[in-house]
Amino acid sequence: MLTISRLAATAGVTVRTVRHYHHVGLLPEPERDASGYRRYSAQAAVDLIRIRTLADAGVPLARIDALLHAQPTEFAAAITDIDAELQRKIDQLADYRSRIAELASGERLVLPPEVVAILDRMRSLGVSELRVRLERDSWILMQALDPHVIPQRIRDKNANFDDPETTRLYLACDQSVDWEPHDPRVDRLIDDMDAWEIKHERDGSQPAYLKLVVSQISDASPAWQRILDALAHRAQRRRIAVPDS
């Protein structure tokens, strides 16, 4: 005869687990003997091992009791069903692992190689990861909402990074995220960027999805917000000064 601690050790579970199985009705609780101890038979140890094995295999406790009292054919059929369910879970987990492995590739999962090359080029130029993420998000939205412009956008972006002055402004704009909004460098950057937009015949407007992405950083950077507001204001003044013919 076994004490509860010996029974638990035999089955490889804790005493607390044995008591839980008593509580849910899976394992009968014997009466106390004359010395006040509960003594368990060898059959109780066998039953506990079967319960633990089924529970470890993922069988719900509510189903284990029926299995313990099933006829051999019923037990075999139930085990087959349980095995099939476990296989489905294994396949599902394998699919999750595959998706997680794909996510490790980051932008390569959702963007064309030419766009990924631009993001890598930005990193090699010393652009912050914050700005790279902003750029990546704009490409993702562009691909979803305005995919026909992507080839031209790729050409324009590479041409911009081939131009030293444009690259200088891009890096300065990236660095300005942490500047105070009334830092003199912000004023100079506004002038330089406005001159660049005039030279390249840009009116400062952006597609709606790019405005959404830019707002993610401008909301957290007062300097960026001031730069964007100033450029938009100057562009508006130019449009008013040159009415449509």
Foldseek 3Di string as FASTA:
>chain_A
DAFLCVLCVLLVHHSVVVVVCCVVVQQPFADADPVRTTHDDVVSSVSSNQQVVCVVLPNDPVCVSCLVPDDPVVVVVVVVVSVVVVVVVVVVVVVVVVVVVLCVVPLVNQDDPLLVVLLVVCVVLPQDPLVSVLSSQLRNVCCVPPVVCVVVVSVVSVVLVVDPLSSVLVRLLRVQQPPDQPDVSLVVSLVSVLVVCVVVVHLLDDPPSSVVSLCVSCVVGVNSVSSSVSSNVVSVVVPVVDDDD
